[in-house]
PDB file of N, CA and C in Angstrom:
ATOM      1  N   MET A   1     115.396 146.195 -48.043  1.00  0.00           N
ATOM      2  CA  MET A   1     114.896 147.515 -48.366  1.00  0.00           C
ATOM      3  C   MET A   1     115.544 147.987 -49.668  1.00  0.00           C
ATOM      4  N   ILE A   2     114.763 148.750 -50.415  1.00  0.00           N
ATOM      5  CA  ILE A   2     115.286 149.348 -51.637  1.00  0.00           C
ATOM      6  C   ILE A   2     114.750 150.772 -51.767  1.00  0.00           C
ATOM      7  N   PHE A   3     115.618 151.667 -52.225  1.00  0.00           N
ATOM      8  CA  PHE A   3     115.262 153.052 -52.504  1.00  0.00           C
ATOM      9  C   PHE A   3     115.145 153.188 -54.016  1.00  0.00           C
ATOM     10  N   VAL A   4     113.983 153.661 -54.489  1.00  0.00           N
ATOM     11  CA  VAL A   4     113.785 153.849 -55.927  1.00  0.00           C
ATOM     12  C   VAL A   4     113.491 155.314 -56.212  1.00  0.00           C
ATOM     13  N   TYR A   5     113.979 155.794 -57.347  1.00  0.00           N
ATOM     14  CA  TYR A   5     113.856 157.226 -57.663  1.00  0.00           C
ATOM     15  C   TYR A   5     113.400 157.479 -59.084  1.00  0.00           C
ATOM     16  N   GLY A   6     113.211 156.480 -59.873  1.00  0.00           N
ATOM     17  CA  GLY A   6     112.858 156.671 -61.281  1.00  0.00           C
ATOM     18  C   GLY A   6     111.588 155.938 -61.647  1.00  0.00           C
ATOM     19  N   SER A   7     111.672 155.122 -62.662  1.00  0.00           N
ATOM     20  CA  SER A   7     110.487 154.462 -63.222  1.00  0.00           C
ATOM     21  C   SER A   7     109.884 153.395 -62.311  1.00  0.00           C
ATOM     22  N   LEU A   8     110.520 153.109 -61.185  1.00  0.00           N
ATOM     23  CA  LEU A   8     109.972 152.126 -60.240  1.00  0.00           C
ATOM     24  C   LEU A   8     109.045 152.764 -59.202  1.00  0.00           C
ATOM     25  N   ARG A   9     108.970 154.097 -59.176  1.00  0.00           N
ATOM     26  CA  ARG A   9     108.091 154.776 -58.208  1.00  0.00           C
ATOM     27  C   ARG A   9     106.618 154.536 -58.542  1.00  0.00           C
ATOM     28  N   ARG A  10     105.769 154.740 -57.538  1.00  0.00           N
ATOM     29  CA  ARG A  10     104.324 154.598 -57.737  1.00  0.00           C
ATOM     30  C   ARG A  10     103.866 155.476 -58.894  1.00  0.00           C
ATOM     31  N   GLY A  11     103.017 154.905 -59.744  1.00  0.00           N
ATOM     32  CA  GLY A  11     102.487 155.639 -60.882  1.00  0.00           C
ATOM     33  C   GLY A  11     103.397 155.663 -62.088  1.00  0.00           C
ATOM     34  N   CYS A  12     104.553 155.069 -61.996  1.00  0.00           N
ATOM     35  CA  CYS A  12     105.512 155.082 -63.111  1.00  0.00           C
ATOM     36  C   CYS A  12     105.529 153.722 -63.817  1.00  0.00           C
ATOM     37  N   ALA A  13     106.157 153.687 -64.970  1.00  0.00           N
ATOM     38  CA  ALA A  13     106.084 152.556 -65.898  1.00  0.00           C
ATOM     39  C   ALA A  13     106.499 151.208 -65.323  1.00  0.00           C
ATOM     40  N   ASN A  14     107.496 151.159 -64.462  1.00  0.00           N
ATOM     41  CA  ASN A  14     108.007 149.874 -63.974  1.00  0.00           C
ATOM     42  C   ASN A  14     107.617 149.552 -62.536  1.00  0.00           C
ATOM     43  N   HIS A  15     106.705 150.333 -61.982  1.00  0.00           N
ATOM     44  CA  HIS A  15     106.305 150.109 -60.586  1.00  0.00           C
ATOM     45  C   HIS A  15     105.732 148.706 -60.366  1.00  0.00           C
ATOM     46  N   HIS A  16     105.095 148.141 -61.378  1.00  0.00           N
ATOM     47  CA  HIS A  16     104.506 146.798 -61.240  1.00  0.00           C
ATOM     48  C   HIS A  16     105.543 145.750 -60.839  1.00  0.00           C
ATOM     49  N   LEU A  17     106.819 146.006 -61.103  1.00  0.00           N
ATOM     50  CA  LEU A  17     107.873 145.057 -60.725  1.00  0.00           C
ATOM     51  C   LEU A  17     108.057 144.985 -59.211  1.00  0.00           C
ATOM     52  N   LEU A  18     107.500 145.937 -58.479  1.00  0.00           N
ATOM     53  CA  LEU A  18     107.568 145.937 -57.011  1.00  0.00           C
ATOM     54  C   LEU A  18     106.313 145.345 -56.382  1.00  0.00           C
ATOM     55  N   GLU A  19     105.471 144.714 -57.187  1.00  0.00           N
ATOM     56  CA  GLU A  19     104.257 144.108 -56.654  1.00  0.00           C
ATOM     57  C   GLU A  19     104.618 143.135 -55.531  1.00  0.00           C
ATOM     58  N   GLY A  20     103.933 143.276 -54.414  1.00  0.00           N
ATOM     59  CA  GLY A  20     104.204 142.448 -53.248  1.00  0.00           C
ATOM     60  C   GLY A  20     105.181 143.074 -52.271  1.00  0.00           C
ATOM     61  N   ALA A  21     105.867 144.137 -52.678  1.00  0.00           N
ATOM     62  CA  ALA A  21     106.783 144.841 -51.778  1.00  0.00           C
ATOM     63  C   ALA A  21     105.966 145.820 -50.932  1.00  0.00           C
ATOM     64  N   GLU A  22     106.400 146.043 -49.712  1.00  0.00           N
ATOM     65  CA  GLU A  22     105.702 146.949 -48.802  1.00  0.00           C
ATOM     66  C   GLU A  22     106.273 148.362 -48.915  1.00  0.00           C
ATOM     67  N   PHE A  23     105.398 149.337 -49.165  1.00  0.00           N
ATOM     68  CA  PHE A  23     105.815 150.733 -49.222  1.00  0.00           C
ATOM     69  C   PHE A  23     106.139 151.189 -47.805  1.00  0.00           C
ATOM     70  N   VAL A  24     107.376 151.653 -47.592  1.00  0.00           N
ATOM     71  CA  VAL A  24     107.816 152.138 -46.283  1.00  0.00           C
ATOM     72  C   VAL A  24     107.554 153.630 -46.170  1.00  0.00           C
ATOM     73  N   GLY A  25     107.849 154.376 -47.244  1.00  0.00           N
ATOM     74  CA  GLY A  25     107.599 155.805 -47.239  1.00  0.00           C
ATOM     75  C   GLY A  25     108.533 156.546 -48.163  1.00  0.00           C
ATOM     76  N   PRO A  26     108.285 157.847 -48.314  1.00  0.00           N
ATOM     77  CA  PRO A  26     109.183 158.671 -49.123  1.00  0.00           C
ATOM     78  C   PRO A  26     110.488 158.905 -48.382  1.00  0.00           C
ATOM     79  N   GLY A  27     111.550 159.073 -49.148  1.00  0.00           N
ATOM     80  CA  GLY A  27     112.847 159.323 -48.542  1.00  0.00           C
ATOM     81  C   GLY A  27     113.772 160.049 -49.497  1.00  0.00           C
ATOM     82  N   THR A  28     114.952 160.338 -48.993  1.00  0.00           N
ATOM     83  CA  THR A  28     115.962 161.012 -49.808  1.00  0.00           C
ATOM     84  C   THR A  28     117.317 160.348 -49.592  1.00  0.00           C
ATOM     85  N   ILE A  29     118.168 160.477 -50.595  1.00  0.00           N
ATOM     86  CA  ILE A  29     119.562 160.063 -50.476  1.00  0.00           C
ATOM     87  C   ILE A  29     120.431 161.243 -50.883  1.00  0.00           C
ATOM     88  N   GLU A  30     121.660 161.241 -50.412  1.00  0.00           N
ATOM     89  CA  GLU A  30     122.630 162.248 -50.835  1.00  0.00           C
ATOM     90  C   GLU A  30     123.284 161.748 -52.103  1.00  0.00           C
ATOM     91  N   ALA A  31     122.932 162.376 -53.216  1.00  0.00           N
ATOM     92  CA  ALA A  31     123.458 161.996 -54.522  1.00  0.00           C
ATOM     93  C   ALA A  31     123.066 163.081 -55.517  1.00  0.00           C
ATOM     94  N   SER A  32     123.627 162.997 -56.702  1.00  0.00           N
ATOM     95  CA  SER A  32     123.269 163.891 -57.800  1.00  0.00           C
ATOM     96  C   SER A  32     122.367 163.117 -58.745  1.00  0.00           C
ATOM     97  N   LEU A  33     121.329 163.782 -59.253  1.00  0.00           N
ATOM     98  CA  LEU A  33     120.402 163.150 -60.180  1.00  0.00           C
ATOM     99  C   LEU A  33     120.572 163.762 -61.560  1.00  0.00           C
ATOM    100  N   TYR A  34     120.745 162.903 -62.549  1.00  0.00           N
ATOM    101  CA  TYR A  34     120.870 163.309 -63.938  1.00  0.00           C
ATOM    102  C   TYR A  34     119.738 162.688 -64.725  1.00  0.00           C
ATOM    103  N   MET A  35     119.308 163.380 -65.772  1.00  0.00           N
ATOM    104  CA  MET A  35     118.234 162.886 -66.645  1.00  0.00           C
ATOM    105  C   MET A  35     118.685 162.946 -68.095  1.00  0.00           C
ATOM    106  N   ARG A  36     118.286 161.927 -68.819  1.00  0.00           N
ATOM    107  CA  ARG A  36     118.441 161.911 -70.273  1.00  0.00           C
ATOM    108  C   ARG A  36     117.138 161.360 -70.816  1.00  0.00           C
ATOM    109  N   GLY A  37     116.313 162.244 -71.343  1.00  0.00           N
ATOM    110  CA  GLY A  37     114.959 161.837 -71.740  1.00  0.00           C
ATOM    111  C   GLY A  37     114.187 161.417 -70.496  1.00  0.00           C
ATOM    112  N   ASP A  38     113.627 160.222 -70.520  1.00  0.00           N
ATOM    113  CA  ASP A  38     112.889 159.703 -69.377  1.00  0.00           C
ATOM    114  C   ASP A  38     113.773 158.901 -68.431  1.00  0.00           C
ATOM    115  N   LEU A  39     115.021 158.760 -68.746  1.00  0.00           N
ATOM    116  CA  LEU A  39     115.936 157.932 -67.955  1.00  0.00           C
ATOM    117  C   LEU A  39     116.579 158.764 -66.849  1.00  0.00           C
ATOM    118  N   SER A  40     116.428 158.316 -65.605  1.00  0.00           N
ATOM    119  CA  SER A  40     117.040 159.012 -64.475  1.00  0.00           C
ATOM    120  C   SER A  40     118.230 158.207 -63.977  1.00  0.00           C
ATOM    121  N   MET A  41     119.266 158.931 -63.564  1.00  0.00           N
ATOM    122  CA  MET A  41     120.516 158.303 -63.155  1.00  0.00           C
ATOM    123  C   MET A  41     121.060 158.993 -61.918  1.00  0.00           C
ATOM    124  N   ALA A  42     121.201 158.246 -60.840  1.00  0.00           N
ATOM    125  CA  ALA A  42     121.792 158.796 -59.619  1.00  0.00           C
ATOM    126  C   ALA A  42     123.291 158.528 -59.637  1.00  0.00           C
ATOM    127  N   HIS A  43     124.044 159.536 -59.221  1.00  0.00           N
ATOM    128  CA  HIS A  43     125.497 159.414 -59.083  1.00  0.00           C
ATOM    129  C   HIS A  43     125.855 159.884 -57.685  1.00  0.00           C
ATOM    130  N   GLU A  44     126.772 159.182 -57.038  1.00  0.00           N
ATOM    131  CA  GLU A  44     127.224 159.648 -55.733  1.00  0.00           C
ATOM    132  C   GLU A  44     127.836 161.023 -55.898  1.00  0.00           C
ATOM    133  N   GLY A  45     127.506 161.911 -54.993  1.00  0.00           N
ATOM    134  CA  GLY A  45     128.004 163.270 -55.072  1.00  0.00           C
ATOM    135  C   GLY A  45     127.067 164.209 -54.353  1.00  0.00           C
ATOM    136  N   PRO A  46     127.334 165.510 -54.471  1.00  0.00           N
ATOM    137  CA  PRO A  46     126.495 166.486 -53.768  1.00  0.00           C
ATOM    138  C   PRO A  46     125.091 166.528 -54.364  1.00  0.00           C
ATOM    139  N   GLY A  47     124.124 166.787 -53.521  1.00  0.00           N
ATOM    140  CA  GLY A  47     122.753 166.914 -53.976  1.00  0.00           C
ATOM    141  C   GLY A  47     121.822 166.015 -53.190  1.00  0.00           C
ATOM    142  N   THR A  48     120.557 166.098 -53.536  1.00  0.00           N
ATOM    143  CA  THR A  48     119.528 165.300 -52.877  1.00  0.00           C
ATOM    144  C   THR A  48     118.640 164.676 -53.941  1.00  0.00           C
ATOM    145  N   VAL A  49     118.446 163.381 -53.833  1.00  0.00           N
ATOM    146  CA  VAL A  49     117.542 162.665 -54.727  1.00  0.00           C
ATOM    147  C   VAL A  49     116.363 162.192 -53.890  1.00  0.00           C
ATOM    148  N   HIS A  50     115.161 162.544 -54.342  1.00  0.00           N
ATOM    149  CA  HIS A  50     113.931 162.142 -53.674  1.00  0.00           C
ATOM    150  C   HIS A  50     113.420 160.852 -54.297  1.00  0.00           C
ATOM    151  N   GLY A  51     112.887 159.983 -53.462  1.00  0.00           N
ATOM    152  CA  GLY A  51     112.343 158.737 -53.979  1.00  0.00           C
ATOM    153  C   GLY A  51     111.473 158.046 -52.958  1.00  0.00           C
ATOM    154  N   GLU A  52     111.341 156.740 -53.108  1.00  0.00           N
ATOM    155  CA  GLU A  52     110.494 155.930 -52.247  1.00  0.00           C
ATOM    156  C   GLU A  52     111.268 154.720 -51.750  1.00  0.00           C
ATOM    157  N   VAL A  53     110.926 154.291 -50.538  1.00  0.00           N
ATOM    158  CA  VAL A  53     111.570 153.122 -49.937  1.00  0.00           C
ATOM    159  C   VAL A  53     110.547 152.000 -49.841  1.00  0.00           C
ATOM    160  N   TYR A  54     110.989 150.794 -50.201  1.00  0.00           N
ATOM    161  CA  TYR A  54     110.158 149.598 -50.137  1.00  0.00           C
ATOM    162  C   TYR A  54     110.894 148.489 -49.395  1.00  0.00           C
ATOM    163  N   ARG A  55     110.111 147.708 -48.656  1.00  0.00           N
ATOM    164  CA  ARG A  55     110.625 146.484 -48.037  1.00  0.00           C
ATOM    165  C   ARG A  55     110.280 145.365 -49.013  1.00  0.00           C
ATOM    166  N   LEU A  56     111.308 144.728 -49.540  1.00  0.00           N
ATOM    167  CA  LEU A  56     111.103 143.683 -50.539  1.00  0.00           C
ATOM    168  C   LEU A  56     110.640 142.406 -49.856  1.00  0.00           C
ATOM    169  N   GLY A  57     109.584 141.805 -50.386  1.00  0.00           N
ATOM    170  CA  GLY A  57     109.010 140.621 -49.771  1.00  0.00           C
ATOM    171  C   GLY A  57     109.454 139.327 -50.412  1.00  0.00           C
ATOM    172  N   GLU A  58     109.959 139.393 -51.620  1.00  0.00           N
ATOM    173  CA  GLU A  58     110.321 138.181 -52.337  1.00  0.00           C
ATOM    174  C   GLU A  58     111.801 138.218 -52.711  1.00  0.00           C
ATOM    175  N   VAL A  59     112.414 137.051 -52.650  1.00  0.00           N
ATOM    176  CA  VAL A  59     113.831 136.942 -53.012  1.00  0.00           C
ATOM    177  C   VAL A  59     114.039 137.330 -54.472  1.00  0.00           C
ATOM    178  N   ASN A  60     113.086 136.995 -55.335  1.00  0.00           N
ATOM    179  CA  ASN A  60     113.276 137.278 -56.765  1.00  0.00           C
ATOM    180  C   ASN A  60     113.085 138.748 -57.121  1.00  0.00           C
ATOM    181  N   HIS A  61     112.630 139.590 -56.183  1.00  0.00           N
ATOM    182  CA  HIS A  61     112.524 141.023 -56.478  1.00  0.00           C
ATOM    183  C   HIS A  61     113.871 141.573 -56.947  1.00  0.00           C
ATOM    184  N   LEU A  62     114.933 141.323 -56.171  1.00  0.00           N
ATOM    185  CA  LEU A  62     116.245 141.873 -56.543  1.00  0.00           C
ATOM    186  C   LEU A  62     116.726 141.313 -57.873  1.00  0.00           C
ATOM    187  N   HIS A  63     116.478 140.046 -58.117  1.00  0.00           N
ATOM    188  CA  HIS A  63     116.888 139.439 -59.389  1.00  0.00           C
ATOM    189  C   HIS A  63     116.166 140.130 -60.554  1.00  0.00           C
ATOM    190  N   THR A  64     114.855 140.352 -60.399  1.00  0.00           N
ATOM    191  CA  THR A  64     114.071 141.025 -61.434  1.00  0.00           C
ATOM    192  C   THR A  64     114.548 142.459 -61.641  1.00  0.00           C
ATOM    193  N   LEU A  65     114.763 143.178 -60.534  1.00  0.00           N
ATOM    194  CA  LEU A  65     115.212 144.566 -60.638  1.00  0.00           C
ATOM    195  C   LEU A  65     116.622 144.659 -61.211  1.00  0.00           C
ATOM    196  N   ASP A  66     117.495 143.722 -60.823  1.00  0.00           N
ATOM    197  CA  ASP A  66     118.843 143.697 -61.396  1.00  0.00           C
ATOM    198  C   ASP A  66     118.782 143.537 -62.913  1.00  0.00           C
ATOM    199  N   GLY A  67     117.835 142.726 -63.393  1.00  0.00           N
ATOM    200  CA  GLY A  67     117.671 142.554 -64.840  1.00  0.00           C
ATOM    201  C   GLY A  67     117.212 143.833 -65.504  1.00  0.00           C
ATOM    202  N   LEU A  68     116.234 144.501 -64.907  1.00  0.00           N
ATOM    203  CA  LEU A  68     115.748 145.772 -65.451  1.00  0.00           C
ATOM    204  C   LEU A  68     116.867 146.803 -65.525  1.00  0.00           C
ATOM    205  N   GLU A  69     117.620 146.923 -64.450  1.00  0.00           N
ATOM    206  CA  GLU A  69     118.663 147.952 -64.346  1.00  0.00           C
ATOM    207  C   GLU A  69     120.001 147.513 -64.945  1.00  0.00           C
ATOM    208  N   ARG A  70     120.039 146.303 -65.455  1.00  0.00           N
ATOM    209  CA  ARG A  70     121.248 145.714 -66.053  1.00  0.00           C
ATOM    210  C   ARG A  70     122.448 145.805 -65.108  1.00  0.00           C
ATOM    211  N   HIS A  71     122.180 145.453 -63.859  1.00  0.00           N
ATOM    212  CA  HIS A  71     123.235 145.407 -62.836  1.00  0.00           C
ATOM    213  C   HIS A  71     124.162 144.242 -63.139  1.00  0.00           C
ATOM    214  N   PRO A  72     125.449 144.398 -63.137  1.00  0.00           N
ATOM    215  CA  PRO A  72     126.239 145.550 -62.718  1.00  0.00           C
ATOM    216  C   PRO A  72     126.823 146.360 -63.872  1.00  0.00           C
ATOM    217  N   THR A  73     126.389 146.118 -65.108  1.00  0.00           N
ATOM    218  CA  THR A  73     127.039 146.809 -66.233  1.00  0.00           C
ATOM    219  C   THR A  73     126.473 148.202 -66.510  1.00  0.00           C
ATOM    220  N   TRP A  74     125.166 148.398 -66.378  1.00  0.00           N
ATOM    221  CA  TRP A  74     124.576 149.705 -66.655  1.00  0.00           C
ATOM    222  C   TRP A  74     124.413 150.495 -65.361  1.00  0.00           C
ATOM    223  N   TYR A  75     123.716 149.914 -64.403  1.00  0.00           N
ATOM    224  CA  TYR A  75     123.592 150.480 -63.058  1.00  0.00           C
ATOM    225  C   TYR A  75     124.275 149.531 -62.087  1.00  0.00           C
ATOM    226  N   GLU A  76     124.772 150.088 -60.989  1.00  0.00           N
ATOM    227  CA  GLU A  76     125.368 149.281 -59.931  1.00  0.00           C
ATOM    228  C   GLU A  76     124.458 149.362 -58.708  1.00  0.00           C
ATOM    229  N   ARG A  77     124.051 148.214 -58.192  1.00  0.00           N
ATOM    230  CA  ARG A  77     123.221 148.193 -56.990  1.00  0.00           C
ATOM    231  C   ARG A  77     124.146 148.220 -55.777  1.00  0.00           C
ATOM    232  N   ARG A  78     123.951 149.269 -54.937  1.00  0.00           N
ATOM    233  CA  ARG A  78     124.787 149.416 -53.736  1.00  0.00           C
ATOM    234  C   ARG A  78     123.918 149.849 -52.564  1.00  0.00           C
ATOM    235  N   MET A  79     124.383 149.525 -51.366  1.00  0.00           N
ATOM    236  CA  MET A  79     123.717 150.003 -50.155  1.00  0.00           C
ATOM    237  C   MET A  79     124.021 151.476 -49.992  1.00  0.00           C
ATOM    238  N   THR A  80     123.016 152.224 -49.560  1.00  0.00           N
ATOM    239  CA  THR A  80     123.195 153.646 -49.327  1.00  0.00           C
ATOM    240  C   THR A  80     122.335 154.078 -48.144  1.00  0.00           C
ATOM    241  N   ALA A  81     122.704 155.185 -47.537  1.00  0.00           N
ATOM    242  CA  ALA A  81     121.943 155.734 -46.414  1.00  0.00           C
ATOM    243  C   ALA A  81     120.745 156.508 -46.952  1.00  0.00           C
ATOM    244  N   VAL A  82     119.583 156.242 -46.379  1.00  0.00           N
ATOM    245  CA  VAL A  82     118.338 156.896 -46.771  1.00  0.00           C
ATOM    246  C   VAL A  82     117.767 157.606 -45.548  1.00  0.00           C
ATOM    247  N   THR A  83     117.269 158.811 -45.759  1.00  0.00           N
ATOM    248  CA  THR A  83     116.563 159.539 -44.706  1.00  0.00           C
ATOM    249  C   THR A  83     115.093 159.566 -45.071  1.00  0.00           C
ATOM    250  N   LEU A  84     114.261 159.013 -44.187  1.00  0.00           N
ATOM    251  CA  LEU A  84     112.819 159.030 -44.410  1.00  0.00           C
ATOM    252  C   LEU A  84     112.262 160.399 -44.062  1.00  0.00           C
ATOM    253  N   ARG A  85     111.060 160.666 -44.504  1.00  0.00           N
ATOM    254  CA  ARG A  85     110.429 161.968 -44.275  1.00  0.00           C
ATOM    255  C   ARG A  85     110.362 162.314 -42.792  1.00  0.00           C
ATOM    256  N   ASP A  86     110.176 161.300 -41.920  1.00  0.00           N
ATOM    257  CA  ASP A  86     110.074 161.560 -40.476  1.00  0.00           C
ATOM    258  C   ASP A  86     111.433 161.730 -39.804  1.00  0.00           C
ATOM    259  N   GLY A  87     112.518 161.674 -40.592  1.00  0.00           N
ATOM    260  CA  GLY A  87     113.856 161.862 -40.061  1.00  0.00           C
ATOM    261  C   GLY A  87     114.586 160.582 -39.726  1.00  0.00           C
ATOM    262  N   CYS A  88     113.880 159.447 -39.716  1.00  0.00           N
ATOM    263  CA  CYS A  88     114.541 158.163 -39.454  1.00  0.00           C
ATOM    264  C   CYS A  88     115.518 157.860 -40.583  1.00  0.00           C
ATOM    265  N   LYS A  89     116.597 157.215 -40.220  1.00  0.00           N
ATOM    266  CA  LYS A  89     117.616 156.846 -41.204  1.00  0.00           C
ATOM    267  C   LYS A  89     117.676 155.328 -41.291  1.00  0.00           C
ATOM    268  N   LEU A  90     117.921 154.836 -42.496  1.00  0.00           N
ATOM    269  CA  LEU A  90     118.070 153.403 -42.707  1.00  0.00           C
ATOM    270  C   LEU A  90     118.971 153.176 -43.909  1.00  0.00           C
ATOM    271  N   ASP A  91     119.426 151.959 -44.056  1.00  0.00           N
ATOM    272  CA  ASP A  91     120.220 151.578 -45.220  1.00  0.00           C
ATOM    273  C   ASP A  91     119.332 150.810 -46.180  1.00  0.00           C
ATOM    274  N   ALA A  92     119.477 151.079 -47.466  1.00  0.00           N
ATOM    275  CA  ALA A  92     118.678 150.410 -48.486  1.00  0.00           C
ATOM    276  C   ALA A  92     119.511 150.253 -49.753  1.00  0.00           C
ATOM    277  N   TRP A  93     119.146 149.273 -50.548  1.00  0.00           N
ATOM    278  CA  TRP A  93     119.757 149.134 -51.862  1.00  0.00           C
ATOM    279  C   TRP A  93     119.309 150.294 -52.728  1.00  0.00           C
ATOM    280  N   CYS A  94     120.165 150.705 -53.642  1.00  0.00           N
ATOM    281  CA  CYS A  94     119.838 151.748 -54.608  1.00  0.00           C
ATOM    282  C   CYS A  94     120.657 151.487 -55.864  1.00  0.00           C
ATOM    283  N   TYR A  95     120.096 151.806 -57.007  1.00  0.00           N
ATOM    284  CA  TYR A  95     120.819 151.653 -58.269  1.00  0.00           C
ATOM    285  C   TYR A  95     121.457 152.983 -58.650  1.00  0.00           C
ATOM    286  N   PHE A  96     122.776 152.957 -58.762  1.00  0.00           N
ATOM    287  CA  PHE A  96     123.555 154.121 -59.181  1.00  0.00           C
ATOM    288  C   PHE A  96     124.078 153.854 -60.580  1.00  0.00           C
ATOM    289  N   LYS A  97     124.140 154.891 -61.394  1.00  0.00           N
ATOM    290  CA  LYS A  97     124.680 154.752 -62.747  1.00  0.00           C
ATOM    291  C   LYS A  97     126.168 154.503 -62.659  1.00  0.00           C
ATOM    292  N   ALA A  98     126.625 153.487 -63.373  1.00  0.00           N
ATOM    293  CA  ALA A  98     128.029 153.095 -63.326  1.00  0.00           C
ATOM    294  C   ALA A  98     128.950 154.196 -63.854  1.00  0.00           C
ATOM    295  N   GLU A  99     128.563 154.824 -64.959  1.00  0.00           N
ATOM    296  CA  GLU A  99     129.370 155.902 -65.537  1.00  0.00           C
ATOM    297  C   GLU A  99     128.455 157.067 -65.886  1.00  0.00           C
ATOM    298  N   ARG A 100     128.986 158.264 -65.785  1.00  0.00           N
ATOM    299  CA  ARG A 100     128.190 159.445 -66.101  1.00  0.00           C
ATOM    300  C   ARG A 100     127.971 159.546 -67.599  1.00  0.00           C
ATOM    301  N   ASP A 101     126.729 159.762 -67.998  1.00  0.00           N
ATOM    302  CA  ASP A 101     126.341 159.942 -69.394  1.00  0.00           C
ATOM    303  C   ASP A 101     126.599 161.409 -69.758  1.00  0.00           C
ATOM    304  N   PRO A 102     127.489 161.699 -70.699  1.00  0.00           N
ATOM    305  CA  PRO A 102     127.826 163.087 -71.013  1.00  0.00           C
ATOM    306  C   PRO A 102     126.649 163.875 -71.602  1.00  0.00           C
ATOM    307  N   GLU A 103     125.611 163.187 -72.080  1.00  0.00           N
ATOM    308  CA  GLU A 103     124.460 163.885 -72.638  1.00  0.00           C
ATOM    309  C   GLU A 103     123.338 164.080 -71.626  1.00  0.00           C
ATOM    310  N   ALA A 104     123.518 163.559 -70.416  1.00  0.00           N
ATOM    311  CA  ALA A 104     122.493 163.713 -69.376  1.00  0.00           C
ATOM    312  C   ALA A 104     122.635 165.083 -68.725  1.00  0.00           C
ATOM    313  N   ARG A 105     121.497 165.628 -68.273  1.00  0.00           N
ATOM    314  CA  ARG A 105     121.519 166.947 -67.625  1.00  0.00           C
ATOM    315  C   ARG A 105     121.309 166.784 -66.122  1.00  0.00           C
ATOM    316  N   LEU A 106     121.989 167.602 -65.354  1.00  0.00           N
ATOM    317  CA  LEU A 106     121.859 167.597 -63.899  1.00  0.00           C
ATOM    318  C   LEU A 106     120.492 168.149 -63.519  1.00  0.00           C
ATOM    319  N   VAL A 107     119.812 167.471 -62.619  1.00  0.00           N
ATOM    320  CA  VAL A 107     118.535 167.925 -62.082  1.00  0.00           C
ATOM    321  C   VAL A 107     118.814 168.402 -60.675  1.00  0.00           C
ATOM    322  N   GLU A 108     118.441 169.629 -60.372  1.00  0.00           N
ATOM    323  CA  GLU A 108     118.739 170.201 -59.055  1.00  0.00           C
ATOM    324  C   GLU A 108     118.048 169.423 -57.942  1.00  0.00           C
ATOM    325  N   SER A 109     116.788 169.109 -58.106  1.00  0.00           N
ATOM    326  CA  SER A 109     116.040 168.369 -57.097  1.00  0.00           C
ATOM    327  C   SER A 109     114.809 167.806 -57.762  1.00  0.00           C
ATOM    328  N   ALA A 110     114.522 166.558 -57.507  1.00  0.00           N
ATOM    329  CA  ALA A 110     113.317 165.943 -58.055  1.00  0.00           C
ATOM    330  C   ALA A 110     112.585 165.240 -56.943  1.00  0.00           C
ATOM    331  N   SER A 111     111.296 165.431 -56.900  1.00  0.00           N
ATOM    332  CA  SER A 111     110.511 164.757 -55.862  1.00  0.00           C
ATOM    333  C   SER A 111     109.497 163.827 -56.454  1.00  0.00           C
TER     334      SER A 111
END
């Protein structure tokens, strides 16, 4: 499972990289969301980040996504707790920004 909150969501520029993955549903994680231009960055901390959960069908999905997110130098892929819209909880991979970008702005809530 993977939780995505930025350009990997449906209708966004990099969603095609999830081709073959099964959409599980919308969900949220406890984290802070920062934006710099079109780039979104989740940081562990207070807040709620809205996104989508997918069940990955191919082993190379994570390898491809790690390349996009430049894991582990730019983003770090870590397991995190996700709450689905129906209240179910699950663990999923998520990309967190390794270091806070001082020019990024805090987003109160994004859906």
